[in-house]
Amino acid sequence: MTQFEKFLAVRAGILGAVVVLSLSGPVMAQDKEGEAKSNAYCVNIADAAADARFALQKEALAKMEKELEGRLKILEAKRAEYEEWLRRRNEVLQKADETIVAIYSRMRPDAAALQLTNMEDEIAAAVIAKLNPRSASAVLNEMEPARAAQLANIITDAPKRVAGNGRKE
């Protein structure tokens, strides 16, 4: 039996007592002992009703606390996801050594594009990210559009898309 059902049973008992008291008014008024018993009964029922109300409130608070904990877990997971993204991004940028970046920035864009096309994606993206914008755009312009887009996605960490339907892989 749930707390709410107990509360309803207690309430029905109180209503029953009220009906009995109202029907036997003159007889009960004369009987002092009966009046004391009925008062004691009402006092006892009031405590049970308060306990039932308290139990319902406690149940509602526990439910809200559980919901709040669930939301907190979701937020913690998102925070961890963003921290991981930032860590990966920093790793990619560190892969491009400053001297290599200096070399590529002095190369002709077509020669740099040819070399970067044959490199690993993350390293090529890191080198392009560290070039000044003018050099980077010239190098990307000399690459095949698909390769340039792939490297740009790595640099921005944009989600890869399936060709044709625009959905995430």
Protein backbone atom coordinates (compact mmCIF):
# COMPACT_ATOMS: atom_id res chain seq x y z
CA MET A 1 0.00 0.00 0.00
CA THR A 2 1.51 3.33 -1.07
CA GLN A 3 1.71 6.38 1.14
CA PHE A 4 -1.00 8.05 -0.90
CA GLU A 5 -3.37 5.09 -0.44
CA LYS A 6 -2.68 5.18 3.32
CA PHE A 7 -3.45 8.88 3.30
CA LEU A 8 -6.77 8.20 1.52
CA ALA A 9 -7.66 5.45 4.01
CA VAL A 10 -6.94 7.76 6.94
CA ARG A 11 -8.98 10.50 5.31
CA ALA A 12 -11.90 8.08 4.80
CA GLY A 13 -11.65 7.13 8.48
CA ILE A 14 -11.83 10.77 9.50
CA LEU A 15 -14.85 11.36 7.27
CA GLY A 16 -16.51 8.27 8.74
CA ALA A 17 -15.88 9.56 12.24
CA VAL A 18 -17.35 12.94 11.32
CA VAL A 19 -20.48 11.26 9.92
CA VAL A 20 -20.89 9.12 13.04
CA LEU A 21 -20.41 12.13 15.28
CA SER A 22 -22.92 14.21 13.35
CA LEU A 23 -25.57 11.47 13.45
CA SER A 24 -25.29 10.85 17.15
CA GLY A 25 -24.85 14.48 18.24
CA PRO A 26 -27.08 14.70 21.34
CA VAL A 27 -26.05 11.31 22.70
CA MET A 28 -22.34 12.06 22.30
CA ALA A 29 -22.60 15.49 23.82
CA GLN A 30 -23.86 13.96 27.04
CA ASP A 31 -21.24 11.26 27.15
CA LYS A 32 -18.00 12.90 28.35
CA GLU A 33 -16.00 9.72 28.08
CA GLY A 34 -17.10 9.19 24.48
CA GLU A 35 -16.18 12.77 23.65
CA ALA A 36 -12.69 12.30 25.07
CA LYS A 37 -12.24 9.12 23.03
CA SER A 38 -13.38 10.81 19.84
CA ASN A 39 -11.00 13.73 20.45
CA ALA A 40 -8.14 11.31 21.05
CA TYR A 41 -9.06 9.47 17.84
CA CYS A 42 -9.01 12.72 15.85
CA VAL A 43 -5.66 13.68 17.34
CA ASN A 44 -4.22 10.27 16.43
CA ILE A 45 -5.60 10.48 12.89
CA ALA A 46 -4.15 13.98 12.44
CA ASP A 47 -0.65 12.65 13.15
CA ALA A 48 -1.12 9.87 10.60
CA ALA A 49 -2.34 12.36 8.00
CA ALA A 50 0.66 14.61 8.66
CA ASP A 51 2.96 11.59 8.36
CA ALA A 52 1.34 10.61 5.06
CA ARG A 53 1.72 14.16 3.74
CA PHE A 54 5.37 14.21 4.85
CA ALA A 55 6.01 10.87 3.12
CA LEU A 56 4.50 12.18 -0.13
CA GLN A 57 6.68 15.29 0.02
CA LYS A 58 9.76 13.20 0.77
CA GLU A 59 8.97 10.96 -2.21
CA ALA A 60 8.61 14.00 -4.50
CA LEU A 61 11.92 15.44 -3.28
CA ALA A 62 13.69 12.13 -3.87
CA LYS A 63 12.32 12.02 -7.41
CA MET A 64 13.50 15.58 -8.11
CA GLU A 65 16.93 14.81 -6.65
CA LYS A 66 17.27 11.77 -8.90
CA GLU A 67 16.30 13.85 -11.96
CA LEU A 68 18.83 16.53 -10.99
CA GLU A 69 21.58 13.91 -10.62
CA GLY A 70 20.76 12.62 -14.11
CA ARG A 71 21.05 16.09 -15.60
CA LEU A 72 24.33 16.63 -13.76
CA LYS A 73 25.73 13.40 -15.25
CA ILE A 74 24.77 14.59 -18.74
CA LEU A 75 26.49 17.94 -18.16
CA GLU A 76 29.62 16.22 -16.83
CA ALA A 77 29.71 13.99 -19.92
CA LYS A 78 29.44 17.04 -22.20
CA ARG A 79 32.22 18.79 -20.29
CA ALA A 80 34.46 15.74 -20.62
CA GLU A 81 33.65 15.57 -24.34
CA TYR A 82 34.66 19.21 -24.84
CA GLU A 83 37.85 18.73 -22.83
CA GLU A 84 38.75 15.75 -25.01
CA TRP A 85 38.08 17.79 -28.15
CA LEU A 86 40.34 20.57 -26.87
CA ARG A 87 43.09 18.07 -26.01
CA ARG A 88 42.94 16.51 -29.50
CA ARG A 89 42.97 19.94 -31.13
CA ASN A 90 46.04 20.98 -29.16
CA GLU A 91 47.80 17.73 -30.06
CA VAL A 92 47.15 18.34 -33.76
CA LEU A 93 48.49 21.85 -33.57
CA GLN A 94 51.61 20.72 -31.72
CA LYS A 95 52.41 18.17 -34.41
CA ALA A 96 53.42 20.93 -36.77
CA ASP A 97 56.93 21.94 -35.80
CA GLU A 98 57.72 25.63 -36.19
CA THR A 99 60.62 24.94 -38.54
CA ILE A 100 58.47 22.86 -40.86
CA VAL A 101 55.87 25.62 -40.87
CA ALA A 102 58.57 28.13 -41.77
CA ILE A 103 59.73 25.93 -44.65
CA TYR A 104 56.23 25.50 -46.07
CA SER A 105 55.46 29.19 -45.73
CA ARG A 106 58.45 29.96 -48.01
CA MET A 107 57.54 27.36 -50.65
CA ARG A 108 55.51 28.06 -53.78
CA PRO A 109 51.82 27.25 -53.10
CA ASP A 110 51.64 24.54 -55.79
CA ALA A 111 54.76 22.77 -54.47
CA ALA A 112 53.54 23.01 -50.86
CA ALA A 113 50.11 21.70 -51.88
CA LEU A 114 51.68 18.70 -53.63
CA GLN A 115 53.78 17.87 -50.57
CA LEU A 116 50.93 18.36 -48.08
CA THR A 117 48.63 16.20 -50.18
CA ASN A 118 50.93 13.24 -49.57
CA MET A 119 51.20 13.78 -45.79
CA GLU A 120 49.06 12.33 -43.03
CA ASP A 121 45.83 14.29 -42.60
CA GLU A 122 46.46 15.56 -39.08
CA ILE A 123 50.02 16.69 -39.77
CA ALA A 124 49.06 18.42 -43.01
CA ALA A 125 46.14 20.13 -41.26
CA ALA A 126 48.41 21.24 -38.42
CA VAL A 127 50.93 22.74 -40.85
CA ILE A 128 48.21 24.58 -42.77
CA ALA A 129 46.68 25.84 -39.51
CA LYS A 130 50.01 27.35 -38.47
CA LEU A 131 50.65 29.07 -41.82
CA ASN A 132 49.57 32.67 -42.12
CA PRO A 133 46.10 32.97 -43.70
CA ARG A 134 47.36 34.23 -47.06
CA SER A 135 49.82 31.32 -47.48
CA ALA A 136 47.30 28.77 -46.21
CA SER A 137 44.61 29.93 -48.63
CA ALA A 138 47.05 29.81 -51.56
CA VAL A 139 48.12 26.27 -50.65
CA LEU A 140 44.53 25.06 -50.20
CA ASN A 141 43.61 26.67 -53.52
CA GLU A 142 46.24 24.55 -55.28
CA MET A 143 44.96 21.27 -53.79
CA GLU A 144 42.17 19.08 -55.07
CA PRO A 145 38.90 20.44 -53.62
CA ALA A 146 38.09 17.20 -51.75
CA ARG A 147 41.51 17.08 -50.07
CA ALA A 148 41.37 20.80 -49.23
CA ALA A 149 37.90 20.37 -47.70
CA GLN A 150 39.08 17.34 -45.73
CA LEU A 151 42.00 19.28 -44.26
CA ALA A 152 39.78 22.28 -43.53
CA ASN A 153 37.37 19.99 -41.65
CA ILE A 154 40.23 18.65 -39.56
CA ILE A 155 41.43 22.18 -38.81
CA THR A 156 37.97 23.30 -37.72
CA ASP A 157 37.12 19.85 -36.32
CA ALA A 158 33.83 19.99 -38.22
CA PRO A 159 31.87 16.74 -38.43
CA LYS A 160 32.47 14.65 -41.50
CA ARG A 161 29.48 14.44 -43.81
CA VAL A 162 28.34 11.59 -45.98
CA ALA A 163 28.38 12.64 -49.62
CA GLY A 164 24.94 13.37 -50.96
CA ASN A 165 22.72 13.20 -47.88
CA GLY A 166 24.40 15.72 -45.57
CA ARG A 167 24.16 13.46 -42.51
CA LYS A 168 26.93 12.78 -40.02
CA GLU A 169 28.89 9.59 -40.48
